[in-house]
Amino acid sequence: MNEKHNIPIVHSSYKDLLSDPLIDAIYIALPNSLHFKWALHAIRAGKHVLLEKLSCLNSEEAYALFNHPLIKALGALIILEVFHYRFHPAWQVFLSYIHGDPTVGLVKHALAQQYLPRGIVPITDIRWRRLALTSGFVDEMATRFRLAQV
Protein backbone atom coordinates (compact mmCIF):
# COMPACT_ATOMS: atom_id res chain seq x y z
CA MET A 1 0.00 0.00 0.00
CA ASN A 2 2.77 2.45 0.86
CA GLU A 3 4.38 1.87 -2.55
CA LYS A 4 1.08 2.26 -4.37
CA HIS A 5 0.41 5.61 -2.67
CA ASN A 6 4.05 6.74 -2.54
CA ILE A 7 4.26 6.83 1.26
CA PRO A 8 7.98 6.98 2.06
CA ILE A 9 7.87 6.00 5.75
CA VAL A 10 5.63 3.32 7.24
CA HIS A 11 5.57 2.29 10.89
CA SER A 12 4.59 -1.15 12.11
CA SER A 13 3.14 0.00 15.44
CA TYR A 14 1.80 3.07 17.20
CA LYS A 15 4.81 3.04 19.52
CA ASP A 16 7.18 3.11 16.54
CA LEU A 17 5.20 6.02 15.12
CA LEU A 18 5.41 7.94 18.40
CA SER A 19 9.17 7.40 18.64
CA ASP A 20 9.80 8.86 15.16
CA PRO A 21 11.65 12.19 15.63
CA LEU A 22 10.37 13.44 12.25
CA ILE A 23 6.78 13.47 13.52
CA ASP A 24 5.66 16.54 15.48
CA ALA A 25 1.94 15.87 15.86
CA ILE A 26 -0.41 12.90 16.04
CA TYR A 27 -4.06 12.66 15.00
CA ILE A 28 -5.90 10.09 17.12
CA ALA A 29 -9.07 8.65 15.58
CA LEU A 30 -9.12 5.29 17.33
CA PRO A 31 -12.23 3.99 19.13
CA ASN A 32 -13.05 6.39 21.97
CA SER A 33 -12.01 3.93 24.66
CA LEU A 34 -8.42 4.20 23.36
CA HIS A 35 -8.22 7.99 23.06
CA PHE A 36 -7.00 8.68 26.60
CA LYS A 37 -4.34 5.95 26.56
CA TRP A 38 -2.83 6.92 23.21
CA ALA A 39 -3.08 10.67 23.84
CA LEU A 40 -1.02 10.15 27.00
CA HIS A 41 1.52 8.06 25.08
CA ALA A 42 1.76 10.81 22.45
CA ILE A 43 2.20 13.58 25.02
CA ARG A 44 4.88 11.60 26.83
CA ALA A 45 6.61 11.11 23.47
CA GLY A 46 6.65 14.89 22.99
CA LYS A 47 4.01 15.05 20.26
CA HIS A 48 1.23 17.57 19.78
CA VAL A 49 -2.15 15.82 19.69
CA LEU A 50 -5.25 16.35 17.58
CA LEU A 51 -7.80 14.15 19.29
CA GLU A 52 -11.04 13.02 17.70
CA LYS A 53 -14.15 13.52 19.81
CA LEU A 54 -15.01 12.40 22.33
CA SER A 55 -11.57 13.00 23.74
CA CYS A 56 -12.20 10.94 26.87
CA LEU A 57 -14.87 8.66 28.31
CA ASN A 58 -15.22 10.41 31.67
CA SER A 59 -14.30 13.53 33.61
CA GLU A 60 -11.38 11.90 35.42
CA GLU A 61 -9.66 11.05 32.14
CA ALA A 62 -10.38 14.50 30.73
CA TYR A 63 -8.98 16.24 33.81
CA ALA A 64 -5.83 14.10 33.82
CA LEU A 65 -5.26 14.59 30.10
CA PHE A 66 -5.96 18.31 29.71
CA ASN A 67 -4.17 19.17 32.97
CA HIS A 68 -1.09 17.05 32.29
CA PRO A 69 2.11 18.94 33.24
CA LEU A 70 3.43 18.60 29.69
CA ILE A 71 0.30 20.42 28.47
CA LYS A 72 0.20 23.07 31.19
CA ALA A 73 3.86 24.15 31.01
CA LEU A 74 4.89 27.37 29.26
CA GLY A 75 5.56 26.67 25.58
CA ALA A 76 3.99 23.28 26.11
CA LEU A 77 2.60 20.72 23.76
CA ILE A 78 -0.82 21.38 22.28
CA ILE A 79 -3.69 18.96 22.68
CA LEU A 80 -6.84 19.87 20.82
CA GLU A 81 -10.11 18.06 20.45
CA VAL A 82 -11.47 18.07 16.89
CA PHE A 83 -14.08 20.82 16.59
CA HIS A 84 -13.44 22.21 13.14
CA TYR A 85 -16.16 24.83 13.38
CA ARG A 86 -14.22 26.74 16.07
CA PHE A 87 -11.81 27.97 13.42
CA HIS A 88 -14.22 28.31 10.52
CA PRO A 89 -14.78 31.90 9.32
CA ALA A 90 -18.57 31.44 9.37
CA TRP A 91 -18.41 30.50 13.05
CA GLN A 92 -16.40 33.63 13.82
CA VAL A 93 -19.07 35.74 12.09
CA PHE A 94 -21.77 33.96 14.10
CA LEU A 95 -19.90 34.65 17.36
CA SER A 96 -19.49 38.30 16.43
CA TYR A 97 -23.27 38.59 16.13
CA ILE A 98 -23.79 37.05 19.54
CA HIS A 99 -20.97 38.75 21.42
CA GLY A 100 -20.42 41.96 19.53
CA ASP A 101 -23.72 43.14 18.10
CA PRO A 102 -25.93 44.90 20.67
CA THR A 103 -28.92 44.70 18.32
CA VAL A 104 -28.91 40.91 18.49
CA GLY A 105 -29.22 40.77 22.26
CA LEU A 106 -28.56 37.89 24.62
CA VAL A 107 -29.24 34.38 23.38
CA LYS A 108 -31.43 32.80 26.06
CA HIS A 109 -32.36 29.52 24.43
CA ALA A 110 -30.96 27.26 21.75
CA LEU A 111 -32.26 23.97 20.44
CA ALA A 112 -30.26 21.34 18.56
CA GLN A 113 -31.76 18.23 17.07
CA GLN A 114 -30.28 15.48 15.02
CA TYR A 115 -32.00 12.67 13.23
CA LEU A 116 -30.56 9.54 11.71
CA PRO A 117 -32.60 8.13 8.87
CA ARG A 118 -33.28 4.43 9.40
CA GLY A 119 -30.61 2.29 7.84
CA ILE A 120 -28.10 5.07 7.18
CA VAL A 121 -25.74 3.67 9.83
CA PRO A 122 -25.38 -0.13 9.63
CA ILE A 123 -26.04 -2.09 12.81
CA THR A 124 -22.43 -3.32 12.61
CA ASP A 125 -21.09 0.25 13.02
CA ILE A 126 -18.85 0.59 16.10
CA ARG A 127 -20.97 3.45 17.46
CA TRP A 128 -23.81 1.03 18.26
CA ARG A 129 -21.55 -1.12 20.44
CA ARG A 130 -20.95 -1.06 24.15
CA LEU A 131 -19.27 1.83 25.98
CA ALA A 132 -16.00 -0.11 26.37
CA LEU A 133 -15.39 0.49 22.67
CA THR A 134 -17.02 3.84 22.11
CA SER A 135 -19.36 6.41 23.57
CA GLY A 136 -21.95 5.44 21.02
CA PHE A 137 -24.04 8.13 19.43
CA VAL A 138 -23.69 10.26 22.55
CA ASP A 139 -20.68 11.89 20.95
CA GLU A 140 -22.66 12.70 17.83
CA MET A 141 -24.91 14.99 19.87
CA ALA A 142 -22.38 16.05 22.51
CA THR A 143 -20.79 18.44 20.05
CA ARG A 144 -24.05 20.36 19.96
CA PHE A 145 -23.75 21.00 23.69
CA ARG A 146 -20.39 22.64 23.05
CA LEU A 147 -22.17 25.02 20.70
CA ALA A 148 -24.49 25.97 23.54
CA GLN A 149 -21.53 27.13 25.64
CA VAL A 150 -20.64 30.06 23.38
C-alpha atoms as a PDB file:
ATOM      1  CA  MET A   1       0.000   0.000   0.000  1.00  0.00           C
ATOM      2  CA  ASN A   2       2.774   2.450   0.855  1.00  0.00           C
ATOM      3  CA  GLU A   3       4.385   1.871  -2.547  1.00  0.00           C
ATOM      4  CA  LYS A   4       1.082   2.258  -4.374  1.00  0.00           C
ATOM      5  CA  HIS A   5       0.413   5.611  -2.674  1.00  0.00           C
ATOM      6  CA  ASN A   6       4.051   6.738  -2.538  1.00  0.00           C
ATOM      7  CA  ILE A   7       4.256   6.832   1.260  1.00  0.00           C
ATOM      8  CA  PRO A   8       7.982   6.977   2.063  1.00  0.00           C
ATOM      9  CA  ILE A   9       7.869   5.999   5.750  1.00  0.00           C
ATOM     10  CA  VAL A  10       5.629   3.320   7.240  1.00  0.00           C
ATOM     11  CA  HIS A  11       5.575   2.287  10.890  1.00  0.00           C
ATOM     12  CA  SER A  12       4.586  -1.155  12.106  1.00  0.00           C
ATOM     13  CA  SER A  13       3.141   0.000  15.442  1.00  0.00           C
ATOM     14  CA  TYR A  14       1.801   3.068  17.198  1.00  0.00           C
ATOM     15  CA  LYS A  15       4.815   3.044  19.523  1.00  0.00           C
ATOM     16  CA  ASP A  16       7.181   3.113  16.540  1.00  0.00           C
ATOM     17  CA  LEU A  17       5.200   6.022  15.123  1.00  0.00           C
ATOM     18  CA  LEU A  18       5.415   7.945  18.399  1.00  0.00           C
ATOM     19  CA  SER A  19       9.167   7.402  18.638  1.00  0.00           C
ATOM     20  CA  ASP A  20       9.796   8.862  15.162  1.00  0.00           C
ATOM     21  CA  PRO A  21      11.647  12.193  15.627  1.00  0.00           C
ATOM     22  CA  LEU A  22      10.370  13.438  12.251  1.00  0.00           C
ATOM     23  CA  ILE A  23       6.779  13.475  13.525  1.00  0.00           C
ATOM     24  CA  ASP A  24       5.662  16.538  15.485  1.00  0.00           C
ATOM     25  CA  ALA A  25       1.940  15.873  15.860  1.00  0.00           C
ATOM     26  CA  ILE A  26      -0.409  12.905  16.038  1.00  0.00           C
ATOM     27  CA  TYR A  27      -4.060  12.664  14.999  1.00  0.00           C
ATOM     28  CA  ILE A  28      -5.901  10.087  17.121  1.00  0.00           C
ATOM     29  CA  ALA A  29      -9.065   8.648  15.580  1.00  0.00           C
ATOM     30  CA  LEU A  30      -9.117   5.286  17.330  1.00  0.00           C
ATOM     31  CA  PRO A  31     -12.226   3.994  19.131  1.00  0.00           C
ATOM     32  CA  ASN A  32     -13.054   6.389  21.973  1.00  0.00           C
ATOM     33  CA  SER A  33     -12.010   3.930  24.662  1.00  0.00           C
ATOM     34  CA  LEU A  34      -8.420   4.202  23.364  1.00  0.00           C
ATOM     35  CA  HIS A  35      -8.222   7.995  23.063  1.00  0.00           C
ATOM     36  CA  PHE A  36      -7.000   8.684  26.603  1.00  0.00           C
ATOM     37  CA  LYS A  37      -4.342   5.953  26.558  1.00  0.00           C
ATOM     38  CA  TRP A  38      -2.829   6.925  23.210  1.00  0.00           C
ATOM     39  CA  ALA A  39      -3.083  10.668  23.836  1.00  0.00           C
ATOM     40  CA  LEU A  40      -1.018  10.149  26.998  1.00  0.00           C
ATOM     41  CA  HIS A  41       1.516   8.059  25.079  1.00  0.00           C
ATOM     42  CA  ALA A  42       1.756  10.805  22.446  1.00  0.00           C
ATOM     43  CA  ILE A  43       2.202  13.581  25.019  1.00  0.00           C
ATOM     44  CA  ARG A  44       4.885  11.600  26.833  1.00  0.00           C
ATOM     45  CA  ALA A  45       6.614  11.109  23.466  1.00  0.00           C
ATOM     46  CA  GLY A  46       6.653  14.888  22.991  1.00  0.00           C
ATOM     47  CA  LYS A  47       4.010  15.051  20.263  1.00  0.00           C
ATOM     48  CA  HIS A  48       1.230  17.575  19.784  1.00  0.00           C
ATOM     49  CA  VAL A  49      -2.153  15.820  19.687  1.00  0.00           C
ATOM     50  CA  LEU A  50      -5.252  16.354  17.580  1.00  0.00           C
ATOM     51  CA  LEU A  51      -7.799  14.147  19.286  1.00  0.00           C
ATOM     52  CA  GLU A  52     -11.042  13.017  17.702  1.00  0.00           C
ATOM     53  CA  LYS A  53     -14.146  13.522  19.814  1.00  0.00           C
ATOM     54  CA  LEU A  54     -15.007  12.399  22.329  1.00  0.00           C
ATOM     55  CA  SER A  55     -11.573  13.001  23.743  1.00  0.00           C
ATOM     56  CA  CYS A  56     -12.201  10.937  26.871  1.00  0.00           C
ATOM     57  CA  LEU A  57     -14.875   8.664  28.307  1.00  0.00           C
ATOM     58  CA  ASN A  58     -15.216  10.407  31.669  1.00  0.00           C
ATOM     59  CA  SER A  59     -14.296  13.533  33.607  1.00  0.00           C
ATOM     60  CA  GLU A  60     -11.378  11.895  35.421  1.00  0.00           C
ATOM     61  CA  GLU A  61      -9.658  11.047  32.137  1.00  0.00           C
ATOM     62  CA  ALA A  62     -10.376  14.495  30.731  1.00  0.00           C
ATOM     63  CA  TYR A  63      -8.977  16.237  33.808  1.00  0.00           C
ATOM     64  CA  ALA A  64      -5.826  14.100  33.817  1.00  0.00           C
ATOM     65  CA  LEU A  65      -5.263  14.592  30.101  1.00  0.00           C
ATOM     66  CA  PHE A  66      -5.957  18.305  29.711  1.00  0.00           C
ATOM     67  CA  ASN A  67      -4.172  19.172  32.967  1.00  0.00           C
ATOM     68  CA  HIS A  68      -1.091  17.053  32.293  1.00  0.00           C
ATOM     69  CA  PRO A  69       2.106  18.943  33.240  1.00  0.00           C
ATOM     70  CA  LEU A  70       3.434  18.598  29.688  1.00  0.00           C
ATOM     71  CA  ILE A  71       0.300  20.416  28.467  1.00  0.00           C
ATOM     72  CA  LYS A  72       0.200  23.071  31.194  1.00  0.00           C
ATOM     73  CA  ALA A  73       3.863  24.148  31.009  1.00  0.00           C
ATOM     74  CA  LEU A  74       4.891  27.371  29.263  1.00  0.00           C
ATOM     75  CA  GLY A  75       5.555  26.670  25.579  1.00  0.00           C
ATOM     76  CA  ALA A  76       3.987  23.280  26.106  1.00  0.00           C
ATOM     77  CA  LEU A  77       2.598  20.723  23.760  1.00  0.00           C
ATOM     78  CA  ILE A  78      -0.817  21.379  22.285  1.00  0.00           C
ATOM     79  CA  ILE A  79      -3.692  18.962  22.682  1.00  0.00           C
ATOM     80  CA  LEU A  80      -6.836  19.872  20.816  1.00  0.00           C
ATOM     81  CA  GLU A  81     -10.113  18.060  20.451  1.00  0.00           C
ATOM     82  CA  VAL A  82     -11.467  18.067  16.894  1.00  0.00           C
ATOM     83  CA  PHE A  83     -14.077  20.815  16.592  1.00  0.00           C
ATOM     84  CA  HIS A  84     -13.441  22.207  13.138  1.00  0.00           C
ATOM     85  CA  TYR A  85     -16.163  24.829  13.379  1.00  0.00           C
ATOM     86  CA  ARG A  86     -14.224  26.739  16.066  1.00  0.00           C
ATOM     87  CA  PHE A  87     -11.806  27.972  13.418  1.00  0.00           C
ATOM     88  CA  HIS A  88     -14.225  28.308  10.517  1.00  0.00           C
ATOM     89  CA  PRO A  89     -14.776  31.895   9.317  1.00  0.00           C
ATOM     90  CA  ALA A  90     -18.568  31.444   9.372  1.00  0.00           C
ATOM     91  CA  TRP A  91     -18.408  30.502  13.051  1.00  0.00           C
ATOM     92  CA  GLN A  92     -16.404  33.630  13.823  1.00  0.00           C
ATOM     93  CA  VAL A  93     -19.065  35.739  12.093  1.00  0.00           C
ATOM     94  CA  PHE A  94     -21.770  33.955  14.103  1.00  0.00           C
ATOM     95  CA  LEU A  95     -19.901  34.649  17.358  1.00  0.00           C
ATOM     96  CA  SER A  96     -19.490  38.295  16.430  1.00  0.00           C
ATOM     97  CA  TYR A  97     -23.267  38.588  16.125  1.00  0.00           C
ATOM     98  CA  ILE A  98     -23.794  37.054  19.541  1.00  0.00           C
ATOM     99  CA  HIS A  99     -20.970  38.752  21.422  1.00  0.00           C
ATOM    100  CA  GLY A 100     -20.421  41.955  19.527  1.00  0.00           C
ATOM    101  CA  ASP A 101     -23.717  43.141  18.096  1.00  0.00           C
ATOM    102  CA  PRO A 102     -25.932  44.904  20.666  1.00  0.00           C
ATOM    103  CA  THR A 103     -28.921  44.704  18.325  1.00  0.00           C
ATOM    104  CA  VAL A 104     -28.910  40.913  18.489  1.00  0.00           C
ATOM    105  CA  GLY A 105     -29.222  40.770  22.258  1.00  0.00           C
ATOM    106  CA  LEU A 106     -28.559  37.894  24.623  1.00  0.00           C
ATOM    107  CA  VAL A 107     -29.245  34.378  23.384  1.00  0.00           C
ATOM    108  CA  LYS A 108     -31.432  32.797  26.063  1.00  0.00           C
ATOM    109  CA  HIS A 109     -32.356  29.517  24.434  1.00  0.00           C
ATOM    110  CA  ALA A 110     -30.960  27.265  21.747  1.00  0.00           C
ATOM    111  CA  LEU A 111     -32.261  23.971  20.438  1.00  0.00           C
ATOM    112  CA  ALA A 112     -30.262  21.344  18.564  1.00  0.00           C
ATOM    113  CA  GLN A 113     -31.761  18.230  17.068  1.00  0.00           C
ATOM    114  CA  GLN A 114     -30.281  15.480  15.019  1.00  0.00           C
ATOM    115  CA  TYR A 115     -31.999  12.672  13.230  1.00  0.00           C
ATOM    116  CA  LEU A 116     -30.560   9.537  11.714  1.00  0.00           C
ATOM    117  CA  PRO A 117     -32.602   8.126   8.873  1.00  0.00           C
ATOM    118  CA  ARG A 118     -33.285   4.432   9.400  1.00  0.00           C
ATOM    119  CA  GLY A 119     -30.606   2.288   7.840  1.00  0.00           C
ATOM    120  CA  ILE A 120     -28.097   5.067   7.178  1.00  0.00           C
ATOM    121  CA  VAL A 121     -25.741   3.666   9.827  1.00  0.00           C
ATOM    122  CA  PRO A 122     -25.380  -0.125   9.626  1.00  0.00           C
ATOM    123  CA  ILE A 123     -26.040  -2.092  12.806  1.00  0.00           C
ATOM    124  CA  THR A 124     -22.426  -3.316  12.612  1.00  0.00           C
ATOM    125  CA  ASP A 125     -21.095   0.251  13.020  1.00  0.00           C
ATOM    126  CA  ILE A 126     -18.854   0.589  16.099  1.00  0.00           C
ATOM    127  CA  ARG A 127     -20.974   3.445  17.463  1.00  0.00           C
ATOM    128  CA  TRP A 128     -23.813   1.030  18.262  1.00  0.00           C
ATOM    129  CA  ARG A 129     -21.547  -1.117  20.441  1.00  0.00           C
ATOM    130  CA  ARG A 130     -20.946  -1.056  24.154  1.00  0.00           C
ATOM    131  CA  LEU A 131     -19.265   1.831  25.978  1.00  0.00           C
ATOM    132  CA  ALA A 132     -16.002  -0.106  26.369  1.00  0.00           C
ATOM    133  CA  LEU A 133     -15.385   0.490  22.670  1.00  0.00           C
ATOM    134  CA  THR A 134     -17.018   3.843  22.109  1.00  0.00           C
ATOM    135  CA  SER A 135     -19.361   6.407  23.574  1.00  0.00           C
ATOM    136  CA  GLY A 136     -21.954   5.443  21.021  1.00  0.00           C
ATOM    137  CA  PHE A 137     -24.036   8.125  19.427  1.00  0.00           C
ATOM    138  CA  VAL A 138     -23.693  10.257  22.554  1.00  0.00           C
ATOM    139  CA  ASP A 139     -20.676  11.894  20.946  1.00  0.00           C
ATOM    140  CA  GLU A 140     -22.656  12.695  17.834  1.00  0.00           C
ATOM    141  CA  MET A 141     -24.913  14.992  19.869  1.00  0.00           C
ATOM    142  CA  ALA A 142     -22.384  16.053  22.509  1.00  0.00           C
ATOM    143  CA  THR A 143     -20.788  18.442  20.052  1.00  0.00           C
ATOM    144  CA  ARG A 144     -24.046  20.355  19.961  1.00  0.00           C
ATOM    145  CA  PHE A 145     -23.749  20.998  23.688  1.00  0.00           C
ATOM    146  CA  ARG A 146     -20.387  22.642  23.050  1.00  0.00           C
ATOM    147  CA  LEU A 147     -22.174  25.023  20.701  1.00  0.00           C
ATOM    148  CA  ALA A 148     -24.490  25.969  23.536  1.00  0.00           C
ATOM    149  CA  GLN A 149     -21.528  27.125  25.641  1.00  0.00           C
ATOM    150  CA  VAL A 150     -20.638  30.060  23.384  1.00  0.00           C
END
